[in-house]
N, C-alpha and C. Protein backbone atom coordinates (compact mmCIF):
# COMPACT_ATOMS: atom_id res chain seq x y z
N UNK A 1 0.83 -1.20 0.01
CA UNK A 1 -0.01 0.05 0.06
C UNK A 1 0.89 1.16 0.09
N UNK A 2 0.38 2.31 -0.74
CA UNK A 2 1.20 3.50 -0.77
C UNK A 2 0.60 4.50 0.24
N UNK A 3 1.49 5.14 0.99
CA UNK A 3 1.20 6.17 1.91
C UNK A 3 0.88 7.33 1.13
N UNK A 4 -0.25 7.99 1.70
CA UNK A 4 -0.85 9.33 1.12
C UNK A 4 0.37 10.41 1.20
N UNK A 5 1.32 10.26 2.04
CA UNK A 5 2.47 11.09 2.19
C UNK A 5 3.51 10.95 1.28
N UNK A 6 3.55 9.70 0.57
CA UNK A 6 4.65 9.54 -0.38
C UNK A 6 4.52 10.38 -1.72
N UNK A 7 5.71 10.95 -1.97
CA UNK A 7 5.72 11.81 -3.18
C UNK A 7 6.48 11.09 -4.16
N UNK A 8 5.95 10.92 -5.50
CA UNK A 8 6.51 10.09 -6.38
C UNK A 8 7.57 10.89 -7.12
N UNK A 9 8.60 10.02 -7.43
CA UNK A 9 9.68 10.71 -8.15
C UNK A 9 9.56 10.76 -9.66
N UNK A 10 8.30 11.28 -10.02
CA UNK A 10 8.08 11.50 -11.35
C UNK A 10 8.46 12.76 -11.77
N UNK A 11 9.17 13.03 -12.96
CA UNK A 11 9.60 14.10 -13.43
C UNK A 11 8.78 14.61 -14.51
N UNK A 12 8.69 15.87 -14.70
CA UNK A 12 7.89 16.50 -15.82
C UNK A 12 8.44 16.05 -17.20
N UNK A 13 7.27 15.51 -17.88
CA UNK A 13 7.58 15.12 -19.28
C UNK A 13 8.56 13.87 -19.40
N UNK A 14 8.89 13.05 -18.29
CA UNK A 14 9.76 12.07 -18.23
C UNK A 14 8.77 10.73 -18.18
N UNK A 15 8.37 10.32 -19.38
CA UNK A 15 7.51 9.15 -19.43
C UNK A 15 8.12 7.96 -18.67
N UNK A 16 9.42 7.68 -18.69
CA UNK A 16 10.04 6.49 -18.02
C UNK A 16 9.85 6.47 -16.48
N UNK A 17 9.99 7.70 -15.91
CA UNK A 17 9.88 7.91 -14.40
C UNK A 17 8.35 7.73 -14.17
N UNK A 18 7.56 8.08 -15.02
CA UNK A 18 6.07 7.92 -14.68
C UNK A 18 5.65 6.47 -14.74
N UNK A 19 6.11 5.77 -15.74
CA UNK A 19 5.75 4.29 -15.90
C UNK A 19 6.45 3.52 -14.79
N UNK A 20 7.76 3.81 -14.47
CA UNK A 20 8.28 3.23 -13.33
C UNK A 20 7.51 3.47 -12.09
N UNK A 21 7.03 4.55 -11.69
CA UNK A 21 6.28 4.70 -10.63
C UNK A 21 4.93 4.04 -10.64
N UNK A 22 4.38 3.88 -11.80
CA UNK A 22 3.16 3.05 -11.88
C UNK A 22 3.36 1.55 -11.52
N UNK A 23 4.64 0.99 -11.81
CA UNK A 23 4.99 -0.25 -11.48
C UNK A 23 5.15 -0.39 -9.99
N UNK A 24 5.80 0.59 -9.42
CA UNK A 24 5.87 0.76 -7.93
C UNK A 24 4.41 0.59 -7.28
N UNK A 25 3.40 1.17 -7.87
CA UNK A 25 2.09 1.16 -7.27
C UNK A 25 1.49 -0.22 -7.73
N UNK A 26 2.17 -1.20 -8.19
CA UNK A 26 1.78 -2.56 -8.62
C UNK A 26 0.68 -2.45 -9.84
N UNK A 27 0.80 -1.50 -10.54
CA UNK A 27 0.05 -1.45 -11.82
C UNK A 27 0.56 -2.46 -12.84
N UNK A 28 -0.37 -3.26 -13.33
CA UNK A 28 0.14 -4.42 -14.28
C UNK A 28 0.84 -3.84 -15.42
N UNK A 29 1.69 -4.72 -16.16
CA UNK A 29 2.37 -4.18 -17.26
C UNK A 29 1.38 -3.80 -18.49
N UNK A 30 0.34 -4.65 -18.51
CA UNK A 30 -0.57 -4.31 -19.47
C UNK A 30 -1.28 -2.88 -19.29
N UNK A 31 -1.66 -2.53 -18.11
CA UNK A 31 -2.10 -1.36 -17.71
C UNK A 31 -1.14 -0.12 -17.92
N UNK A 32 0.04 -0.52 -17.67
CA UNK A 32 1.31 0.59 -17.85
C UNK A 32 1.25 0.98 -19.37
N UNK A 33 1.32 -0.16 -20.22
CA UNK A 33 1.40 -0.03 -21.73
C UNK A 33 0.19 0.89 -22.17
N UNK A 34 -1.07 0.50 -21.49
CA UNK A 34 -2.23 1.24 -21.94
C UNK A 34 -2.08 2.78 -21.54
N UNK A 35 -1.39 3.11 -20.51
CA UNK A 35 -1.30 4.44 -19.98
C UNK A 35 -0.37 5.12 -21.00
N UNK A 36 0.76 4.57 -21.40
CA UNK A 36 1.72 5.01 -22.29
C UNK A 36 0.85 5.32 -23.57
N UNK A 37 0.02 4.41 -24.15
CA UNK A 37 -0.53 4.72 -25.31
C UNK A 37 -1.65 5.87 -25.23
N UNK A 38 -2.23 5.87 -23.99
CA UNK A 38 -3.29 7.08 -23.75
C UNK A 38 -2.53 8.31 -23.71
N UNK A 39 -1.40 8.47 -23.20
CA UNK A 39 -0.73 9.78 -23.23
C UNK A 39 -0.41 10.00 -24.55
N UNK A 40 0.05 9.17 -25.39
CA UNK A 40 0.63 9.42 -26.92
C UNK A 40 -0.70 9.80 -27.53
N UNK A 41 -1.83 9.18 -27.39
CA UNK A 41 -3.03 9.56 -28.23
C UNK A 41 -3.63 10.72 -27.77
N UNK A 42 -3.49 11.16 -26.58
CA UNK A 42 -4.19 12.44 -26.14
C UNK A 42 -3.37 13.61 -26.75
N UNK A 43 -2.07 13.38 -27.22
CA UNK A 43 -1.29 14.36 -27.81
C UNK A 43 -0.94 15.57 -27.17
N UNK A 44 -1.98 16.40 -26.72
CA UNK A 44 -1.74 17.68 -26.09
C UNK A 44 -1.75 17.63 -24.78
N UNK A 45 -1.03 18.35 -24.03
CA UNK A 45 -1.00 18.27 -22.47
C UNK A 45 -2.40 18.91 -21.93
N UNK A 46 -2.64 18.61 -20.79
CA UNK A 46 -3.88 19.00 -20.27
C UNK A 46 -4.02 20.50 -20.06
N UNK A 47 -5.12 21.02 -20.15
CA UNK A 47 -5.25 22.37 -19.88
C UNK A 47 -6.12 22.58 -18.71
N UNK A 48 -5.77 23.55 -17.90
CA UNK A 48 -6.62 23.89 -16.70
C UNK A 48 -6.77 22.82 -15.71
N UNK A 49 -5.69 21.97 -15.60
CA UNK A 49 -5.63 20.87 -14.55
C UNK A 49 -6.46 19.74 -14.96
N UNK A 50 -6.95 19.56 -16.25
CA UNK A 50 -7.69 18.44 -16.69
C UNK A 50 -6.97 17.60 -17.58
N UNK A 51 -7.14 16.32 -17.50
CA UNK A 51 -6.49 15.36 -18.30
C UNK A 51 -7.17 15.20 -19.71
N UNK A 52 -6.48 14.75 -20.74
CA UNK A 52 -7.08 14.35 -21.95
C UNK A 52 -8.02 13.17 -21.81
N UNK A 53 -8.94 13.08 -22.74
CA UNK A 53 -9.90 12.01 -22.50
C UNK A 53 -9.37 10.62 -22.51
N UNK A 54 -8.20 10.22 -23.09
CA UNK A 54 -7.76 8.83 -23.06
C UNK A 54 -7.15 8.55 -21.72
N UNK A 55 -6.36 9.60 -21.22
CA UNK A 55 -5.83 9.49 -19.80
C UNK A 55 -6.99 9.48 -18.77
N UNK A 56 -7.88 10.28 -19.01
CA UNK A 56 -8.90 10.28 -17.97
C UNK A 56 -9.71 8.89 -18.07
N UNK A 57 -9.87 8.36 -19.27
CA UNK A 57 -10.55 7.10 -19.30
C UNK A 57 -9.63 6.02 -18.52
N UNK A 58 -8.33 6.09 -18.71
CA UNK A 58 -7.44 5.21 -18.06
C UNK A 58 -7.58 5.21 -16.62
N UNK A 59 -7.64 6.52 -16.14
CA UNK A 59 -7.87 6.60 -14.60
C UNK A 59 -9.14 6.03 -14.20
N UNK A 60 -10.14 6.29 -14.91
CA UNK A 60 -11.61 5.71 -14.61
C UNK A 60 -11.43 4.13 -14.49
N UNK A 61 -10.75 3.54 -15.55
CA UNK A 61 -10.52 2.06 -15.52
C UNK A 61 -9.79 1.56 -14.41
N UNK A 62 -8.81 2.26 -14.03
CA UNK A 62 -8.06 1.92 -12.85
C UNK A 62 -8.94 2.00 -11.40
N UNK A 63 -9.72 3.06 -11.48
CA UNK A 63 -10.72 3.28 -10.45
C UNK A 63 -11.70 2.10 -10.25
N UNK A 64 -12.15 1.73 -11.44
CA UNK A 64 -13.14 0.57 -11.39
C UNK A 64 -12.38 -0.81 -10.88
N UNK A 65 -11.08 -0.91 -11.42
CA UNK A 65 -10.28 -2.04 -10.94
C UNK A 65 -10.09 -2.06 -9.41
N UNK A 66 -9.95 -0.79 -8.95
CA UNK A 66 -9.97 -0.68 -7.39
C UNK A 66 -11.18 -1.10 -6.77
N UNK A 67 -12.22 -0.67 -7.18
CA UNK A 67 -13.58 -1.02 -6.72
C UNK A 67 -13.83 -2.44 -6.71
N UNK A 68 -13.39 -3.09 -7.73
CA UNK A 68 -13.52 -4.62 -7.92
C UNK A 68 -12.42 -5.45 -7.19
N UNK A 69 -11.50 -4.75 -6.68
CA UNK A 69 -10.34 -5.39 -5.94
C UNK A 69 -9.35 -6.17 -6.95
N UNK A 70 -9.45 -5.75 -8.18
CA UNK A 70 -8.50 -6.25 -9.16
C UNK A 70 -7.18 -5.65 -9.20
N UNK A 71 -7.08 -4.62 -8.52
CA UNK A 71 -5.74 -3.91 -8.51
C UNK A 71 -5.24 -3.96 -7.05
N UNK A 72 -3.96 -4.48 -6.78
CA UNK A 72 -3.44 -4.75 -5.49
C UNK A 72 -3.36 -3.37 -4.60
N UNK A 73 -3.04 -2.32 -5.21
CA UNK A 73 -2.93 -1.04 -4.56
C UNK A 73 -4.12 -0.27 -4.67
N UNK A 74 -5.21 -1.04 -4.84
CA UNK A 74 -6.52 -0.37 -5.27
C UNK A 74 -7.29 0.09 -4.11
N UNK A 75 -6.74 1.14 -3.46
CA UNK A 75 -7.47 2.00 -2.49
C UNK A 75 -7.53 3.41 -2.98
N UNK A 76 -8.45 4.17 -2.08
CA UNK A 76 -8.47 5.63 -2.54
C UNK A 76 -7.15 6.23 -2.51
N UNK A 77 -6.22 5.87 -1.73
CA UNK A 77 -4.93 6.41 -1.68
C UNK A 77 -4.15 5.89 -3.04
N UNK A 78 -4.29 4.72 -3.51
CA UNK A 78 -3.72 4.37 -4.67
C UNK A 78 -4.18 5.16 -5.94
N UNK A 79 -5.48 5.44 -5.97
CA UNK A 79 -5.95 6.22 -7.02
C UNK A 79 -5.41 7.63 -6.94
N UNK A 80 -5.37 8.23 -5.69
CA UNK A 80 -4.84 9.54 -5.50
C UNK A 80 -3.33 9.72 -5.93
N UNK A 81 -2.58 8.59 -5.58
CA UNK A 81 -1.24 8.42 -6.01
C UNK A 81 -1.02 8.35 -7.57
N UNK A 82 -1.98 7.70 -8.26
CA UNK A 82 -1.92 7.67 -9.71
C UNK A 82 -2.14 9.04 -10.26
N UNK A 83 -3.22 9.74 -9.75
CA UNK A 83 -3.40 11.29 -10.18
C UNK A 83 -2.26 12.15 -9.85
N UNK A 84 -1.79 12.05 -8.71
CA UNK A 84 -0.55 13.02 -8.43
C UNK A 84 0.63 12.71 -9.32
N UNK A 85 0.79 11.28 -9.53
CA UNK A 85 1.95 11.06 -10.35
C UNK A 85 1.63 11.50 -11.86
N UNK A 86 0.62 11.34 -12.44
CA UNK A 86 0.15 11.93 -13.67
C UNK A 86 0.23 13.38 -13.80
N UNK A 87 -0.17 14.04 -12.81
CA UNK A 87 -0.25 15.45 -12.73
C UNK A 87 1.26 16.02 -12.75
N UNK A 88 2.08 15.42 -12.03
CA UNK A 88 3.54 15.68 -11.97
C UNK A 88 4.24 15.48 -13.39
N UNK A 89 3.77 14.52 -14.00
CA UNK A 89 4.28 14.29 -15.39
C UNK A 89 3.78 15.32 -16.35
N UNK A 90 2.72 15.86 -16.21
CA UNK A 90 2.22 17.03 -17.02
C UNK A 90 2.64 18.31 -16.44
N UNK A 91 3.35 18.35 -15.32
CA UNK A 91 3.76 19.70 -14.76
C UNK A 91 2.71 20.37 -14.15
N UNK A 92 1.61 19.63 -13.62
CA UNK A 92 0.57 20.28 -12.94
C UNK A 92 0.64 20.34 -11.41
N UNK A 93 1.77 20.02 -10.78
CA UNK A 93 1.96 20.17 -9.37
C UNK A 93 2.51 19.05 -8.85
């Protein structure tokens, strides 16, 4: 389980650091690959703190997996950690 106090070592625009952190959160390789594709397909960085539709859909999928118990780190803290990491990747905080 990931502590809500843990700060990911994700660097802005560094896809490798983001994907590595997703693996730290026990995100499956398949889901990590889907995130990489979603980021590439959204093309433009998010505006006003919102993610592109593909990345937002990926987060929704991970939230559903969390609710179903299909994701080991699937807690509210895990989802928050995903969102913080993706936000850092995009330079949103």
